[in-house]
Amino acid sequence: MQQVALTMINYHDKKFKLVQTTSNGALSEDIVFHYQQKDHLLWCRYRSESILLGHLIGTVASNGTISMSYHQVDLSGKIMTGTCQSSPEILPDGKIRLYEKWQWTSGDRSMGESVLEEW
């Protein structure tokens, strides 16, 4: 039986917008994540109407799944932190949709889900 090598998804220089999130999320629809990647390392700097500055850093598995941590400062100056697991889906047009399961590691430590799409 012949094995086919999987090619890791490369997120470098790809931009993602928020499509949906649970009510305990802090992201707004104007946010854009501009990912950078080198080998298995992934990072991003972001901001929006509700976030003064945020960063994420993580790793990409061979199947394209992203494991990351993030921190951000909101408009009131509050520092918020969390972790996230993102699972990719390749859409018919070749763009990537990310299904995220995240949890705050600060504040109420609640969990939530978001969907991002490449644009």
C-alpha atoms as a PDB file:
ATOM      1  CA  MET A   1       0.000   0.000   0.000  1.00  0.00           C
ATOM      2  CA  GLN A   2       1.403   3.374  -0.993  1.00  0.00           C
ATOM      3  CA  GLN A   3       1.361   6.123   1.634  1.00  0.00           C
ATOM      4  CA  VAL A   4       0.653   9.690   0.597  1.00  0.00           C
ATOM      5  CA  ALA A   5       2.600  12.373   2.452  1.00  0.00           C
ATOM      6  CA  LEU A   6       0.432  15.088   3.965  1.00  0.00           C
ATOM      7  CA  THR A   7       1.526  18.652   3.314  1.00  0.00           C
ATOM      8  CA  MET A   8       1.218  20.946   6.295  1.00  0.00           C
ATOM      9  CA  ILE A   9      -1.041  23.951   5.709  1.00  0.00           C
ATOM     10  CA  ASN A  10       1.036  27.109   5.455  1.00  0.00           C
ATOM     11  CA  TYR A  11      -0.692  30.063   7.129  1.00  0.00           C
ATOM     12  CA  HIS A  12       2.113  32.525   6.364  1.00  0.00           C
ATOM     13  CA  ASP A  13       0.834  35.933   5.242  1.00  0.00           C
ATOM     14  CA  LYS A  14      -2.818  34.779   5.274  1.00  0.00           C
ATOM     15  CA  LYS A  15      -5.511  37.062   6.691  1.00  0.00           C
ATOM     16  CA  PHE A  16      -8.582  35.835   8.561  1.00  0.00           C
ATOM     17  CA  LYS A  17     -11.785  37.619   9.598  1.00  0.00           C
ATOM     18  CA  LEU A  18     -14.212  36.660  12.329  1.00  0.00           C
ATOM     19  CA  VAL A  19     -17.392  35.000  11.016  1.00  0.00           C
ATOM     20  CA  GLN A  20     -18.993  34.086  14.347  1.00  0.00           C
ATOM     21  CA  THR A  21     -18.194  33.731  18.032  1.00  0.00           C
ATOM     22  CA  THR A  22     -19.954  32.877  21.262  1.00  0.00           C
ATOM     23  CA  SER A  23     -21.256  35.691  23.453  1.00  0.00           C
ATOM     24  CA  ASN A  24     -18.354  35.505  25.921  1.00  0.00           C
ATOM     25  CA  GLY A  25     -15.833  36.291  23.170  1.00  0.00           C
ATOM     26  CA  ALA A  26     -14.103  39.670  23.122  1.00  0.00           C
ATOM     27  CA  LEU A  27     -13.657  39.941  19.351  1.00  0.00           C
ATOM     28  CA  SER A  28     -15.624  42.198  17.053  1.00  0.00           C
ATOM     29  CA  GLU A  29     -16.380  41.712  13.364  1.00  0.00           C
ATOM     30  CA  ASP A  30     -13.845  44.364  12.305  1.00  0.00           C
ATOM     31  CA  ILE A  31     -10.899  42.296  13.529  1.00  0.00           C
ATOM     32  CA  VAL A  32      -8.378  40.944  11.036  1.00  0.00           C
ATOM     33  CA  PHE A  33      -5.773  38.364  11.980  1.00  0.00           C
ATOM     34  CA  HIS A  34      -2.695  38.522   9.730  1.00  0.00           C
ATOM     35  CA  TYR A  35      -0.829  35.282  10.404  1.00  0.00           C
ATOM     36  CA  GLN A  36       2.893  34.778  10.014  1.00  0.00           C
ATOM     37  CA  GLN A  37       4.482  31.328  10.013  1.00  0.00           C
ATOM     38  CA  LYS A  38       7.968  29.833   9.939  1.00  0.00           C
ATOM     39  CA  ASP A  39       8.101  26.058   9.940  1.00  0.00           C
ATOM     40  CA  HIS A  40       5.745  24.972  12.759  1.00  0.00           C
ATOM     41  CA  LEU A  41       5.779  28.355  14.541  1.00  0.00           C
ATOM     42  CA  LEU A  42       2.775  30.699  14.055  1.00  0.00           C
ATOM     43  CA  TRP A  43       2.265  34.255  15.348  1.00  0.00           C
ATOM     44  CA  CYS A  44       0.058  37.271  14.846  1.00  0.00           C
ATOM     45  CA  ARG A  45      -0.497  40.821  16.094  1.00  0.00           C
ATOM     46  CA  TYR A  46      -4.084  42.123  16.035  1.00  0.00           C
ATOM     47  CA  ARG A  47      -6.318  45.019  17.040  1.00  0.00           C
ATOM     48  CA  SER A  48      -9.950  46.043  16.598  1.00  0.00           C
ATOM     49  CA  GLU A  49     -12.544  48.545  17.810  1.00  0.00           C
ATOM     50  CA  SER A  50     -12.664  46.688  21.128  1.00  0.00           C
ATOM     51  CA  ILE A  51      -9.015  45.566  21.461  1.00  0.00           C
ATOM     52  CA  LEU A  52      -6.151  48.055  21.662  1.00  0.00           C
ATOM     53  CA  LEU A  53      -3.528  45.377  20.971  1.00  0.00           C
ATOM     54  CA  GLY A  54      -3.367  41.599  20.947  1.00  0.00           C
ATOM     55  CA  HIS A  55      -0.807  38.917  20.139  1.00  0.00           C
ATOM     56  CA  LEU A  56      -1.042  35.215  19.573  1.00  0.00           C
ATOM     57  CA  ILE A  57       1.703  32.636  19.328  1.00  0.00           C
ATOM     58  CA  GLY A  58       1.362  28.965  18.610  1.00  0.00           C
ATOM     59  CA  THR A  59       2.383  25.903  16.695  1.00  0.00           C
ATOM     60  CA  VAL A  60       0.969  24.229  13.607  1.00  0.00           C
ATOM     61  CA  ALA A  61       0.628  20.440  13.512  1.00  0.00           C
ATOM     62  CA  SER A  62       1.177  18.454  10.323  1.00  0.00           C
ATOM     63  CA  ASN A  63      -2.623  18.264   9.825  1.00  0.00           C
ATOM     64  CA  GLY A  64      -2.922  22.084   9.992  1.00  0.00           C
ATOM     65  CA  THR A  65      -4.360  22.237  13.508  1.00  0.00           C
ATOM     66  CA  ILE A  66      -3.148  25.280  15.433  1.00  0.00           C
ATOM     67  CA  SER A  67      -2.458  25.263  19.195  1.00  0.00           C
ATOM     68  CA  MET A  68      -1.992  28.778  20.513  1.00  0.00           C
ATOM     69  CA  SER A  69      -1.973  31.151  23.437  1.00  0.00           C
ATOM     70  CA  TYR A  70      -3.086  34.755  23.206  1.00  0.00           C
ATOM     71  CA  HIS A  71      -3.067  37.931  25.229  1.00  0.00           C
ATOM     72  CA  GLN A  72      -4.749  41.248  24.563  1.00  0.00           C
ATOM     73  CA  VAL A  73      -5.519  44.619  26.129  1.00  0.00           C
ATOM     74  CA  ASP A  74      -9.087  45.916  25.800  1.00  0.00           C
ATOM     75  CA  LEU A  75     -10.261  49.542  25.652  1.00  0.00           C
ATOM     76  CA  SER A  76     -10.480  49.809  29.435  1.00  0.00           C
ATOM     77  CA  GLY A  77      -6.844  48.700  29.775  1.00  0.00           C
ATOM     78  CA  LYS A  78      -7.753  45.238  31.056  1.00  0.00           C
ATOM     79  CA  ILE A  79      -5.268  42.484  30.129  1.00  0.00           C
ATOM     80  CA  MET A  80      -6.965  39.281  28.969  1.00  0.00           C
ATOM     81  CA  THR A  81      -5.280  35.915  28.247  1.00  0.00           C
ATOM     82  CA  GLY A  82      -6.357  32.569  26.837  1.00  0.00           C
ATOM     83  CA  THR A  83      -5.615  29.434  24.873  1.00  0.00           C
ATOM     84  CA  CYS A  84      -7.111  28.172  21.628  1.00  0.00           C
ATOM     85  CA  GLN A  85      -7.202  25.119  19.366  1.00  0.00           C
ATOM     86  CA  SER A  86      -8.046  25.836  15.706  1.00  0.00           C
ATOM     87  CA  SER A  87      -9.033  23.117  13.231  1.00  0.00           C
ATOM     88  CA  PRO A  88      -8.908  23.950   9.514  1.00  0.00           C
ATOM     89  CA  GLU A  89     -11.356  23.192   6.726  1.00  0.00           C
ATOM     90  CA  ILE A  90     -10.382  23.846   3.104  1.00  0.00           C
ATOM     91  CA  LEU A  91     -13.348  25.449   1.342  1.00  0.00           C
ATOM     92  CA  PRO A  92     -14.286  24.711  -2.308  1.00  0.00           C
ATOM     93  CA  ASP A  93     -12.610  27.971  -3.404  1.00  0.00           C
ATOM     94  CA  GLY A  94      -9.344  26.878  -1.719  1.00  0.00           C
ATOM     95  CA  LYS A  95      -9.634  29.328   1.174  1.00  0.00           C
ATOM     96  CA  ILE A  96      -9.331  28.185   4.785  1.00  0.00           C
ATOM     97  CA  ARG A  97     -12.030  28.211   7.463  1.00  0.00           C
ATOM     98  CA  LEU A  98     -10.847  27.803  11.059  1.00  0.00           C
ATOM     99  CA  TYR A  99     -13.050  26.300  13.763  1.00  0.00           C
ATOM    100  CA  GLU A 100     -11.754  27.509  17.110  1.00  0.00           C
ATOM    101  CA  LYS A 101     -12.311  26.203  20.621  1.00  0.00           C
ATOM    102  CA  TRP A 102     -10.866  28.607  23.165  1.00  0.00           C
ATOM    103  CA  GLN A 103     -10.766  29.273  26.880  1.00  0.00           C
ATOM    104  CA  TRP A 104      -9.949  32.375  28.851  1.00  0.00           C
ATOM    105  CA  THR A 105      -7.069  31.819  31.284  1.00  0.00           C
ATOM    106  CA  SER A 106      -7.922  35.123  32.961  1.00  0.00           C
ATOM    107  CA  GLY A 107     -11.209  36.564  34.189  1.00  0.00           C
ATOM    108  CA  ASP A 108     -14.045  34.051  34.358  1.00  0.00           C
ATOM    109  CA  ARG A 109     -12.039  31.268  32.620  1.00  0.00           C
ATOM    110  CA  SER A 110     -15.046  30.484  30.454  1.00  0.00           C
ATOM    111  CA  MET A 111     -14.865  28.528  27.209  1.00  0.00           C
ATOM    112  CA  GLY A 112     -16.179  29.451  23.781  1.00  0.00           C
ATOM    113  CA  GLU A 113     -16.058  28.825  20.060  1.00  0.00           C
ATOM    114  CA  SER A 114     -15.356  31.027  17.056  1.00  0.00           C
ATOM    115  CA  VAL A 115     -15.153  30.634  13.293  1.00  0.00           C
ATOM    116  CA  LEU A 116     -12.650  32.542  11.182  1.00  0.00           C
ATOM    117  CA  GLU A 117     -12.428  32.627   7.382  1.00  0.00           C
ATOM    118  CA  GLU A 118      -9.564  33.553   5.123  1.00  0.00           C
ATOM    119  CA  TRP A 119     -10.155  36.575   2.927  1.00  0.00           C
END
